[in-house]
Amino acid sequence: MARLDLNRSGEMEVFVRVVAAGGLSPAARSLRMTPSAVSKLLARLEARLGARLINRSTRRLTLTPEGQVFHDQAMRVLADIDEAERAVTSSATPRGRVRVNASVPYGLHHLIPRVPAFNARYPEVVLDIVLNDRVVDLMDERADVAIRVGPMAASSLMARKLVETRMAVVASPDYLARRGTPQALKDLADHDLIGFNFGRHLDGWSFVTAEGERVTRPVEGPATAGDGETARALVLAGAGLARLSLFHIGPDLEAGRMVKVLEPFNPGDIEETRAVYVGHGGRLPSRVRVFLDFLAEEARL
């Protein structure tokens, strides 16, 4: 098992990882150390400093006042070390593995088609890609970057906005030919609505009435989806109506495979796609930094 060099900067790195991860076990996994080794290192650090840095309980970890001061200073020291190393190796070719966890629609339609271009630019960087729409813990999953769509909960992680887009309720022409096109919100009662079944889905679809009142319509139907790409496939199969991102279904609309409905009642909600990563104090490996820069560059094209 790889061991961290346990000098003073190494102690700082372990301490900062524990704080960022919110516990000894996830920090140990990200460092490829055992929890007991991390615990012993922290105990040795506290003994050397003569101060308790972390209050531990079975459910949470909190910094003591002394721990907060040491954490802030350690972040500055580690950032300075990284800056010094970058100044010497800035011309070096980025290399290594970037573990990417992306939402299914973004991964299939926007990330994977661009992998050849990224590989051509950075041939020594390997992209390790996993697609799913559940919220992942970067430490637990050992992911460098997570690409997520929609609201972001409060977090100590860094986030970089890639794109923002409107939402629309859509259906296939075949479905509308069979079931009719809804003209008013009350017409939704006669239609099959495709919702999502993962934990962070919204309780309903938002609309604005002719009087300007914002309302939420519950989503009920014979099928739900665990990710946006499954919902898209259900719409294309004629299974019902779904509320999807225009960033996701733009080509389907242009090709006539889908049709927007109830647009006069569309509230114009904006949905953001972000790249989320661990990067406290600007400390970011070059392999991750060039990947994030590439995503942002491609999003502007």
C-alpha atoms as a PDB file:
ATOM      1  CA  MET A   1       0.000   0.000   0.000  1.00  0.00           C
ATOM      2  CA  ALA A   2       1.325   3.421  -0.965  1.00  0.00           C
ATOM      3  CA  ARG A   3       2.398   5.453   2.061  1.00  0.00           C
ATOM      4  CA  LEU A   4       2.452   9.219   2.330  1.00  0.00           C
ATOM      5  CA  ASP A   5       5.752  10.824   3.249  1.00  0.00           C
ATOM      6  CA  LEU A   6       5.041  11.752   6.858  1.00  0.00           C
ATOM      7  CA  ASN A   7       7.015  14.992   7.003  1.00  0.00           C
ATOM      8  CA  ARG A   8       5.408  18.214   8.180  1.00  0.00           C
ATOM      9  CA  SER A   9       3.837  19.029   4.809  1.00  0.00           C
ATOM     10  CA  GLY A  10       2.625  15.438   4.632  1.00  0.00           C
ATOM     11  CA  GLU A  11       0.954  15.838   8.018  1.00  0.00           C
ATOM     12  CA  MET A  12      -0.722  19.001   6.775  1.00  0.00           C
ATOM     13  CA  GLU A  13      -1.951  17.200   3.648  1.00  0.00           C
ATOM     14  CA  VAL A  14      -3.521  14.413   5.701  1.00  0.00           C
ATOM     15  CA  PHE A  15      -5.131  16.882   8.107  1.00  0.00           C
ATOM     16  CA  VAL A  16      -6.589  18.954   5.249  1.00  0.00           C
ATOM     17  CA  ARG A  17      -7.907  15.802   3.526  1.00  0.00           C
ATOM     18  CA  VAL A  18      -9.642  14.689   6.727  1.00  0.00           C
ATOM     19  CA  VAL A  19     -11.359  18.068   7.053  1.00  0.00           C
ATOM     20  CA  ALA A  20     -12.387  18.130   3.370  1.00  0.00           C
ATOM     21  CA  ALA A  21     -13.697  14.554   3.498  1.00  0.00           C
ATOM     22  CA  GLY A  22     -15.516  15.067   6.782  1.00  0.00           C
ATOM     23  CA  GLY A  23     -14.086  11.939   8.382  1.00  0.00           C
ATOM     24  CA  LEU A  24     -11.102   9.661   8.808  1.00  0.00           C
ATOM     25  CA  SER A  25     -12.354   6.757   6.686  1.00  0.00           C
ATOM     26  CA  PRO A  26     -13.134   8.672   3.459  1.00  0.00           C
ATOM     27  CA  ALA A  27      -9.872  10.605   3.801  1.00  0.00           C
ATOM     28  CA  ALA A  28      -7.984   7.346   4.305  1.00  0.00           C
ATOM     29  CA  ARG A  29      -9.522   5.894   1.145  1.00  0.00           C
ATOM     30  CA  SER A  30      -8.540   8.921  -0.926  1.00  0.00           C
ATOM     31  CA  LEU A  31      -4.986   8.776   0.479  1.00  0.00           C
ATOM     32  CA  ARG A  32      -4.775   4.969   0.155  1.00  0.00           C
ATOM     33  CA  MET A  33      -3.969   4.679   3.834  1.00  0.00           C
ATOM     34  CA  THR A  34      -5.718   2.787   6.597  1.00  0.00           C
ATOM     35  CA  PRO A  35      -8.052   4.695   8.959  1.00  0.00           C
ATOM     36  CA  SER A  36      -5.878   3.653  11.884  1.00  0.00           C
ATOM     37  CA  ALA A  37      -2.787   5.108  10.203  1.00  0.00           C
ATOM     38  CA  VAL A  38      -4.600   8.406   9.617  1.00  0.00           C
ATOM     39  CA  SER A  39      -5.837   8.440  13.220  1.00  0.00           C
ATOM     40  CA  LYS A  40      -2.318   7.821  14.563  1.00  0.00           C
ATOM     41  CA  LEU A  41      -0.881  10.556  12.362  1.00  0.00           C
ATOM     42  CA  LEU A  42      -3.450  13.086  13.586  1.00  0.00           C
ATOM     43  CA  ALA A  43      -2.803  12.077  17.195  1.00  0.00           C
ATOM     44  CA  ARG A  44       0.942  12.524  16.642  1.00  0.00           C
ATOM     45  CA  LEU A  45       0.344  15.925  15.015  1.00  0.00           C
ATOM     46  CA  GLU A  46      -1.832  17.089  17.925  1.00  0.00           C
ATOM     47  CA  ALA A  47       0.755  15.836  20.415  1.00  0.00           C
ATOM     48  CA  ARG A  48       3.538  17.703  18.609  1.00  0.00           C
ATOM     49  CA  LEU A  49       1.487  20.921  18.488  1.00  0.00           C
ATOM     50  CA  GLY A  50       0.221  20.501  22.040  1.00  0.00           C
ATOM     51  CA  ALA A  51      -3.370  21.244  20.994  1.00  0.00           C
ATOM     52  CA  ARG A  52      -6.466  19.349  19.997  1.00  0.00           C
ATOM     53  CA  LEU A  53      -7.331  20.141  16.375  1.00  0.00           C
ATOM     54  CA  ILE A  54     -10.421  18.019  15.780  1.00  0.00           C
ATOM     55  CA  ASN A  55     -13.378  17.024  17.908  1.00  0.00           C
ATOM     56  CA  ARG A  56     -14.465  13.549  16.848  1.00  0.00           C
ATOM     57  CA  SER A  57     -17.807  11.842  17.351  1.00  0.00           C
ATOM     58  CA  THR A  58     -19.488   8.832  15.779  1.00  0.00           C
ATOM     59  CA  ARG A  59     -21.517  11.069  13.447  1.00  0.00           C
ATOM     60  CA  ARG A  60     -19.468  14.149  12.655  1.00  0.00           C
ATOM     61  CA  LEU A  61     -16.123  15.854  12.801  1.00  0.00           C
ATOM     62  CA  THR A  62     -15.659  19.497  13.861  1.00  0.00           C
ATOM     63  CA  LEU A  63     -12.614  21.712  14.089  1.00  0.00           C
ATOM     64  CA  THR A  64     -11.563  23.255  17.388  1.00  0.00           C
ATOM     65  CA  PRO A  65     -10.610  26.956  17.318  1.00  0.00           C
ATOM     66  CA  GLU A  66      -6.959  25.868  17.224  1.00  0.00           C
ATOM     67  CA  GLY A  67      -7.798  23.405  14.452  1.00  0.00           C
ATOM     68  CA  GLN A  68      -9.445  26.127  12.363  1.00  0.00           C
ATOM     69  CA  VAL A  69      -6.354  28.332  12.652  1.00  0.00           C
ATOM     70  CA  PHE A  70      -4.043  25.449  11.742  1.00  0.00           C
ATOM     71  CA  HIS A  71      -6.301  24.422   8.838  1.00  0.00           C
ATOM     72  CA  ASP A  72      -6.290  27.925   7.339  1.00  0.00           C
ATOM     73  CA  GLN A  73      -2.524  28.199   7.632  1.00  0.00           C
ATOM     74  CA  ALA A  74      -1.975  24.671   6.298  1.00  0.00           C
ATOM     75  CA  MET A  75      -4.069  25.472   3.223  1.00  0.00           C
ATOM     76  CA  ARG A  76      -1.853  28.482   2.517  1.00  0.00           C
ATOM     77  CA  VAL A  77       1.352  26.488   2.996  1.00  0.00           C
ATOM     78  CA  LEU A  78       0.201  23.646   0.745  1.00  0.00           C
ATOM     79  CA  ALA A  79      -0.957  26.105  -1.910  1.00  0.00           C
ATOM     80  CA  ASP A  80       2.481  27.757  -1.827  1.00  0.00           C
ATOM     81  CA  ILE A  81       4.168  24.369  -2.210  1.00  0.00           C
ATOM     82  CA  ASP A  82       1.995  23.531  -5.202  1.00  0.00           C
ATOM     83  CA  GLU A  83       2.658  26.934  -6.740  1.00  0.00           C
ATOM     84  CA  ALA A  84       6.400  26.425  -6.333  1.00  0.00           C
ATOM     85  CA  GLU A  85       6.200  23.022  -8.014  1.00  0.00           C
ATOM     86  CA  ARG A  86       4.059  24.393 -10.851  1.00  0.00           C
ATOM     87  CA  ALA A  87       6.586  27.178 -11.435  1.00  0.00           C
ATOM     88  CA  VAL A  88       9.252  24.546 -12.079  1.00  0.00           C
ATOM     89  CA  THR A  89       7.147  22.013 -13.982  1.00  0.00           C
ATOM     90  CA  SER A  90       4.691  24.309 -15.798  1.00  0.00           C
ATOM     91  CA  SER A  91       6.075  23.193 -19.152  1.00  0.00           C
ATOM     92  CA  ALA A  92       5.714  19.504 -18.302  1.00  0.00           C
ATOM     93  CA  THR A  93       3.096  17.495 -20.185  1.00  0.00           C
ATOM     94  CA  PRO A  94       0.004  16.684 -18.056  1.00  0.00           C
ATOM     95  CA  ARG A  95      -0.181  12.969 -17.442  1.00  0.00           C
ATOM     96  CA  GLY A  96      -2.045  10.465 -15.306  1.00  0.00           C
ATOM     97  CA  ARG A  97      -5.609   9.313 -14.762  1.00  0.00           C
ATOM     98  CA  VAL A  98      -8.622  11.627 -14.358  1.00  0.00           C
ATOM     99  CA  ARG A  99     -11.592   9.851 -12.812  1.00  0.00           C
ATOM    100  CA  VAL A 100     -14.779  11.449 -14.140  1.00  0.00           C
ATOM    101  CA  ASN A 101     -18.314  10.802 -12.883  1.00  0.00           C
ATOM    102  CA  ALA A 102     -20.876  12.407 -15.216  1.00  0.00           C
ATOM    103  CA  SER A 103     -24.642  12.498 -15.546  1.00  0.00           C
ATOM    104  CA  VAL A 104     -25.859  10.085 -18.219  1.00  0.00           C
ATOM    105  CA  PRO A 105     -27.225  12.674 -20.707  1.00  0.00           C
ATOM    106  CA  TYR A 106     -24.169  14.916 -20.472  1.00  0.00           C
ATOM    107  CA  GLY A 107     -21.832  11.943 -20.706  1.00  0.00           C
ATOM    108  CA  LEU A 108     -23.475  10.365 -23.752  1.00  0.00           C
ATOM    109  CA  HIS A 109     -24.211  13.511 -25.744  1.00  0.00           C
ATOM    110  CA  HIS A 110     -21.449  15.932 -24.799  1.00  0.00           C
ATOM    111  CA  LEU A 111     -18.527  14.274 -23.010  1.00  0.00           C
ATOM    112  CA  ILE A 112     -17.958  11.027 -24.891  1.00  0.00           C
ATOM    113  CA  PRO A 113     -18.132  12.612 -28.375  1.00  0.00           C
ATOM    114  CA  ARG A 114     -15.325  14.983 -27.286  1.00  0.00           C
ATOM    115  CA  VAL A 115     -13.008  12.348 -25.797  1.00  0.00           C
ATOM    116  CA  PRO A 116     -11.041  11.868 -29.076  1.00  0.00           C
ATOM    117  CA  ALA A 117     -10.285  15.593 -29.244  1.00  0.00           C
ATOM    118  CA  PHE A 118      -9.137  15.615 -25.611  1.00  0.00           C
ATOM    119  CA  ASN A 119      -6.983  12.514 -26.178  1.00  0.00           C
ATOM    120  CA  ALA A 120      -5.373  14.128 -29.210  1.00  0.00           C
ATOM    121  CA  ARG A 121      -4.483  17.218 -27.168  1.00  0.00           C
ATOM    122  CA  TYR A 122      -3.392  15.376 -24.004  1.00  0.00           C
ATOM    123  CA  PRO A 123      -2.274  11.885 -25.044  1.00  0.00           C
ATOM    124  CA  GLU A 124      -0.741  11.100 -21.645  1.00  0.00           C
ATOM    125  CA  VAL A 125      -3.943  11.774 -19.691  1.00  0.00           C
ATOM    126  CA  VAL A 126      -6.305   8.810 -19.282  1.00  0.00           C
ATOM    127  CA  LEU A 127     -10.011   9.540 -18.727  1.00  0.00           C
ATOM    128  CA  ASP A 128     -11.695   7.011 -16.428  1.00  0.00           C
ATOM    129  CA  ILE A 129     -15.409   7.683 -17.070  1.00  0.00           C
ATOM    130  CA  VAL A 130     -18.434   6.481 -15.077  1.00  0.00           C
ATOM    131  CA  LEU A 131     -21.949   7.618 -16.025  1.00  0.00           C
ATOM    132  CA  ASN A 132     -24.866   7.832 -13.596  1.00  0.00           C
ATOM    133  CA  ASP A 133     -27.333  10.460 -12.378  1.00  0.00           C
ATOM    134  CA  ARG A 134     -27.053   9.874  -8.646  1.00  0.00           C
ATOM    135  CA  VAL A 135     -25.191  12.335  -6.447  1.00  0.00           C
ATOM    136  CA  VAL A 136     -21.775  10.884  -5.647  1.00  0.00           C
ATOM    137  CA  ASP A 137     -19.267  11.572  -2.900  1.00  0.00           C
ATOM    138  CA  LEU A 138     -16.018  12.434  -4.665  1.00  0.00           C
ATOM    139  CA  MET A 139     -13.966  10.976  -1.834  1.00  0.00           C
ATOM    140  CA  ASP A 140     -15.920   7.728  -1.595  1.00  0.00           C
ATOM    141  CA  GLU A 141     -15.934   7.244  -5.375  1.00  0.00           C
ATOM    142  CA  ARG A 142     -12.310   8.403  -5.726  1.00  0.00           C
ATOM    143  CA  ALA A 143     -13.499  10.715  -8.495  1.00  0.00           C
ATOM    144  CA  ASP A 144     -11.540  13.791  -9.520  1.00  0.00           C
ATOM    145  CA  VAL A 145     -14.449  15.511 -11.281  1.00  0.00           C
ATOM    146  CA  ALA A 146     -18.223  15.041 -11.124  1.00  0.00           C
ATOM    147  CA  ILE A 147     -20.382  16.646 -13.811  1.00  0.00           C
ATOM    148  CA  ARG A 148     -23.856  17.327 -12.509  1.00  0.00           C
ATOM    149  CA  VAL A 149     -27.044  18.964 -13.757  1.00  0.00           C
ATOM    150  CA  GLY A 150     -29.435  21.015 -11.623  1.00  0.00           C
ATOM    151  CA  PRO A 151     -29.285  22.682  -8.202  1.00  0.00           C
ATOM    152  CA  MET A 152     -26.161  22.142  -6.139  1.00  0.00           C
ATOM    153  CA  ALA A 153     -26.407  21.622  -2.407  1.00  0.00           C
ATOM    154  CA  ALA A 154     -24.185  23.615  -0.057  1.00  0.00           C
ATOM    155  CA  SER A 155     -20.745  22.039  -0.164  1.00  0.00           C
ATOM    156  CA  SER A 156     -17.063  22.687   0.454  1.00  0.00           C
ATOM    157  CA  LEU A 157     -16.363  21.431  -3.066  1.00  0.00           C
ATOM    158  CA  MET A 158     -15.435  23.739  -5.913  1.00  0.00           C
ATOM    159  CA  ALA A 159     -17.777  24.088  -8.913  1.00  0.00           C
ATOM    160  CA  ARG A 160     -17.284  25.406 -12.441  1.00  0.00           C
ATOM    161  CA  LYS A 161     -20.339  26.251 -14.521  1.00  0.00           C
ATOM    162  CA  LEU A 162     -20.188  24.696 -17.976  1.00  0.00           C
ATOM    163  CA  VAL A 163     -23.549  25.572 -19.512  1.00  0.00           C
ATOM    164  CA  GLU A 164     -27.045  26.754 -18.628  1.00  0.00           C
ATOM    165  CA  THR A 165     -30.228  25.960 -20.499  1.00  0.00           C
ATOM    166  CA  ARG A 166     -34.027  26.196 -20.334  1.00  0.00           C
ATOM    167  CA  MET A 167     -36.391  23.306 -19.722  1.00  0.00           C
ATOM    168  CA  ALA A 168     -39.386  22.275 -21.822  1.00  0.00           C
ATOM    169  CA  VAL A 169     -42.216  19.742 -21.692  1.00  0.00           C
ATOM    170  CA  VAL A 170     -41.940  17.569 -24.779  1.00  0.00           C
ATOM    171  CA  ALA A 171     -43.554  14.572 -26.460  1.00  0.00           C
ATOM    172  CA  SER A 172     -43.082  12.572 -29.632  1.00  0.00           C
ATOM    173  CA  PRO A 173     -45.269  13.341 -32.671  1.00  0.00           C
ATOM    174  CA  ASP A 174     -46.568   9.750 -32.515  1.00  0.00           C
ATOM    175  CA  TYR A 175     -47.745  10.180 -28.915  1.00  0.00           C
ATOM    176  CA  LEU A 176     -49.471  13.468 -29.707  1.00  0.00           C
ATOM    177  CA  ALA A 177     -51.179  11.938 -32.743  1.00  0.00           C
ATOM    178  CA  ARG A 178     -52.601   9.201 -30.507  1.00  0.00           C
ATOM    179  CA  ARG A 179     -53.423  11.206 -27.387  1.00  0.00           C
ATOM    180  CA  GLY A 180     -53.866  14.768 -28.608  1.00  0.00           C
ATOM    181  CA  THR A 181     -51.803  17.879 -27.850  1.00  0.00           C
ATOM    182  CA  PRO A 182     -52.452  19.504 -24.451  1.00  0.00           C
ATOM    183  CA  GLN A 183     -53.494  23.135 -24.833  1.00  0.00           C
ATOM    184  CA  ALA A 184     -54.041  24.044 -21.170  1.00  0.00           C
ATOM    185  CA  LEU A 185     -52.601  22.879 -17.853  1.00  0.00           C
ATOM    186  CA  LYS A 186     -55.823  21.051 -16.989  1.00  0.00           C
ATOM    187  CA  ASP A 187     -55.272  18.851 -20.053  1.00  0.00           C
ATOM    188  CA  LEU A 188     -52.311  17.193 -18.335  1.00  0.00           C
ATOM    189  CA  ALA A 189     -54.793  15.121 -16.338  1.00  0.00           C
ATOM    190  CA  ASP A 190     -55.508  13.193 -19.538  1.00  0.00           C
ATOM    191  CA  HIS A 191     -51.860  12.464 -20.333  1.00  0.00           C
ATOM    192  CA  ASP A 192     -49.067  10.150 -19.206  1.00  0.00           C
ATOM    193  CA  LEU A 193     -46.305  12.116 -17.472  1.00  0.00           C
ATOM    194  CA  ILE A 194     -42.791  10.707 -17.182  1.00  0.00           C
ATOM    195  CA  GLY A 195     -41.016  11.677 -13.958  1.00  0.00           C
ATOM    196  CA  PHE A 196     -37.770  10.709 -12.256  1.00  0.00           C
ATOM    197  CA  ASN A 197     -37.245   8.187  -9.493  1.00  0.00           C
ATOM    198  CA  PHE A 198     -33.892   9.266  -8.055  1.00  0.00           C
ATOM    199  CA  GLY A 199     -33.598  11.028  -4.717  1.00  0.00           C
ATOM    200  CA  ARG A 200     -33.000  14.608  -5.870  1.00  0.00           C
ATOM    201  CA  HIS A 201     -35.850  14.858  -8.412  1.00  0.00           C
ATOM    202  CA  LEU A 202     -38.400  17.634  -8.009  1.00  0.00           C
ATOM    203  CA  ASP A 203     -41.882  16.900  -6.692  1.00  0.00           C
ATOM    204  CA  GLY A 204     -43.557  18.298  -9.818  1.00  0.00           C
ATOM    205  CA  TRP A 205     -43.286  20.429 -12.926  1.00  0.00           C
ATOM    206  CA  SER A 206     -43.390  24.211 -12.627  1.00  0.00           C
ATOM    207  CA  PHE A 207     -45.637  26.325 -14.847  1.00  0.00           C
ATOM    208  CA  VAL A 208     -46.868  29.894 -14.946  1.00  0.00           C
ATOM    209  CA  THR A 209     -50.576  30.509 -15.513  1.00  0.00           C
ATOM    210  CA  ALA A 210     -52.103  33.068 -17.869  1.00  0.00           C
ATOM    211  CA  GLU A 211     -52.533  35.308 -14.808  1.00  0.00           C
ATOM    212  CA  GLY A 212     -48.822  35.089 -14.042  1.00  0.00           C
ATOM    213  CA  GLU A 213     -49.188  32.759 -11.052  1.00  0.00           C
ATOM    214  CA  ARG A 214     -46.523  30.094 -10.623  1.00  0.00           C
ATOM    215  CA  VAL A 215     -47.940  26.611 -10.013  1.00  0.00           C
ATOM    216  CA  THR A 216     -46.522  23.109  -9.638  1.00  0.00           C
ATOM    217  CA  ARG A 217     -48.143  20.123 -11.330  1.00  0.00           C
ATOM    218  CA  PRO A 218     -47.604  16.659  -9.761  1.00  0.00           C
ATOM    219  CA  VAL A 219     -46.071  14.131 -12.123  1.00  0.00           C
ATOM    220  CA  GLU A 220     -47.963  10.859 -12.441  1.00  0.00           C
ATOM    221  CA  GLY A 221     -47.758   8.234 -15.123  1.00  0.00           C
ATOM    222  CA  PRO A 222     -47.081   4.598 -15.987  1.00  0.00           C
ATOM    223  CA  ALA A 223     -43.286   4.997 -16.062  1.00  0.00           C
ATOM    224  CA  THR A 224     -40.503   6.843 -14.243  1.00  0.00           C
ATOM    225  CA  ALA A 225     -36.831   7.147 -15.149  1.00  0.00           C
ATOM    226  CA  GLY A 226     -33.608   6.890 -13.180  1.00  0.00           C
ATOM    227  CA  ASP A 227     -31.746   9.296 -15.488  1.00  0.00           C
ATOM    228  CA  GLY A 228     -32.369  11.857 -18.190  1.00  0.00           C
ATOM    229  CA  GLU A 229     -31.367   9.585 -21.034  1.00  0.00           C
ATOM    230  CA  THR A 230     -33.941   6.973 -20.007  1.00  0.00           C
ATOM    231  CA  ALA A 231     -36.612   9.693 -19.848  1.00  0.00           C
ATOM    232  CA  ARG A 232     -35.577  10.824 -23.336  1.00  0.00           C
ATOM    233  CA  ALA A 233     -35.841   7.253 -24.649  1.00  0.00           C
ATOM    234  CA  LEU A 234     -39.320   6.895 -23.130  1.00  0.00           C
ATOM    235  CA  VAL A 235     -40.456  10.085 -24.863  1.00  0.00           C
ATOM    236  CA  LEU A 236     -39.046   8.937 -28.201  1.00  0.00           C
ATOM    237  CA  ALA A 237     -40.848   5.612 -27.748  1.00  0.00           C
ATOM    238  CA  GLY A 238     -44.150   7.471 -27.349  1.00  0.00           C
ATOM    239  CA  ALA A 239     -44.606   6.629 -23.661  1.00  0.00           C
ATOM    240  CA  GLY A 240     -45.694  10.112 -22.598  1.00  0.00           C
ATOM    241  CA  LEU A 241     -44.654  13.681 -21.822  1.00  0.00           C
ATOM    242  CA  ALA A 242     -41.428  14.613 -20.029  1.00  0.00           C
ATOM    243  CA  ARG A 243     -39.808  17.840 -18.864  1.00  0.00           C
ATOM    244  CA  LEU A 244     -36.246  17.833 -20.160  1.00  0.00           C
ATOM    245  CA  SER A 245     -33.310  20.174 -20.714  1.00  0.00           C
ATOM    246  CA  LEU A 246     -33.045  21.779 -24.161  1.00  0.00           C
ATOM    247  CA  PHE A 247     -29.288  21.219 -23.893  1.00  0.00           C
ATOM    248  CA  HIS A 248     -30.078  17.510 -23.763  1.00  0.00           C
ATOM    249  CA  ILE A 249     -32.784  17.226 -26.436  1.00  0.00           C
ATOM    250  CA  GLY A 250     -31.878  20.035 -28.857  1.00  0.00           C
ATOM    251  CA  PRO A 251     -31.035  17.656 -31.745  1.00  0.00           C
ATOM    252  CA  ASP A 252     -34.303  15.725 -31.208  1.00  0.00           C
ATOM    253  CA  LEU A 253     -36.319  18.938 -31.497  1.00  0.00           C
ATOM    254  CA  GLU A 254     -34.423  20.055 -34.602  1.00  0.00           C
ATOM    255  CA  ALA A 255     -34.965  16.666 -36.256  1.00  0.00           C
ATOM    256  CA  GLY A 256     -38.674  16.616 -35.384  1.00  0.00           C
ATOM    257  CA  ARG A 257     -38.382  13.560 -33.156  1.00  0.00           C
ATOM    258  CA  MET A 258     -39.808  15.626 -30.291  1.00  0.00           C
ATOM    259  CA  VAL A 259     -42.220  18.550 -30.057  1.00  0.00           C
ATOM    260  CA  LYS A 260     -42.534  21.174 -27.293  1.00  0.00           C
ATOM    261  CA  VAL A 261     -45.950  21.460 -25.666  1.00  0.00           C
ATOM    262  CA  LEU A 262     -47.507  24.003 -23.293  1.00  0.00           C
ATOM    263  CA  GLU A 263     -44.847  26.596 -24.129  1.00  0.00           C
ATOM    264  CA  PRO A 264     -47.136  29.551 -23.222  1.00  0.00           C
ATOM    265  CA  PHE A 265     -47.020  28.216 -19.648  1.00  0.00           C
ATOM    266  CA  ASN A 266     -43.251  27.617 -19.541  1.00  0.00           C
ATOM    267  CA  PRO A 267     -41.824  29.586 -16.557  1.00  0.00           C
ATOM    268  CA  GLY A 268     -38.413  29.824 -18.242  1.00  0.00           C
ATOM    269  CA  ASP A 269     -36.513  27.986 -15.517  1.00  0.00           C
ATOM    270  CA  ILE A 270     -32.770  27.762 -16.103  1.00  0.00           C
ATOM    271  CA  GLU A 271     -30.891  24.548 -15.374  1.00  0.00           C
ATOM    272  CA  GLU A 272     -27.117  24.629 -14.915  1.00  0.00           C
ATOM    273  CA  THR A 273     -24.534  21.967 -15.686  1.00  0.00           C
ATOM    274  CA  ARG A 274     -21.439  22.165 -13.475  1.00  0.00           C
ATOM    275  CA  ALA A 275     -18.128  20.404 -13.057  1.00  0.00           C
ATOM    276  CA  VAL A 276     -17.615  19.746  -9.332  1.00  0.00           C
ATOM    277  CA  TYR A 277     -14.183  18.976  -7.933  1.00  0.00           C
ATOM    278  CA  VAL A 278     -11.940  19.126  -4.887  1.00  0.00           C
ATOM    279  CA  GLY A 279      -9.638  22.094  -5.250  1.00  0.00           C
ATOM    280  CA  HIS A 280      -9.139  23.961  -1.999  1.00  0.00           C
ATOM    281  CA  GLY A 281      -6.801  26.929  -2.151  1.00  0.00           C
ATOM    282  CA  GLY A 282      -6.377  26.609  -5.915  1.00  0.00           C
ATOM    283  CA  ARG A 283      -4.489  23.342  -5.483  1.00  0.00           C
ATOM    284  CA  LEU A 284      -5.344  21.235  -8.519  1.00  0.00           C
ATOM    285  CA  PRO A 285      -3.272  18.607 -10.385  1.00  0.00           C
ATOM    286  CA  SER A 286      -2.441  19.675 -13.934  1.00  0.00           C
ATOM    287  CA  ARG A 287      -4.203  16.597 -15.360  1.00  0.00           C
ATOM    288  CA  VAL A 288      -7.460  17.728 -13.700  1.00  0.00           C
ATOM    289  CA  ARG A 289      -6.948  21.389 -14.512  1.00  0.00           C
ATOM    290  CA  VAL A 290      -6.499  20.788 -18.252  1.00  0.00           C
ATOM    291  CA  PHE A 291      -9.603  18.571 -18.294  1.00  0.00           C
ATOM    292  CA  LEU A 292     -11.707  21.270 -16.620  1.00  0.00           C
ATOM    293  CA  ASP A 293     -10.331  23.898 -19.004  1.00  0.00           C
ATOM    294  CA  PHE A 294     -11.165  21.650 -21.955  1.00  0.00           C
ATOM    295  CA  LEU A 295     -14.766  21.170 -20.779  1.00  0.00           C
ATOM    296  CA  ALA A 296     -15.232  24.912 -20.314  1.00  0.00           C
ATOM    297  CA  GLU A 297     -13.707  25.636 -23.727  1.00  0.00           C
ATOM    298  CA  GLU A 298     -15.947  23.070 -25.466  1.00  0.00           C
ATOM    299  CA  ALA A 299     -19.025  24.415 -23.691  1.00  0.00           C
ATOM    300  CA  ARG A 300     -18.417  27.835 -25.256  1.00  0.00           C
ATOM    301  CA  LEU A 301     -18.241  26.465 -28.819  1.00  0.00           C
END
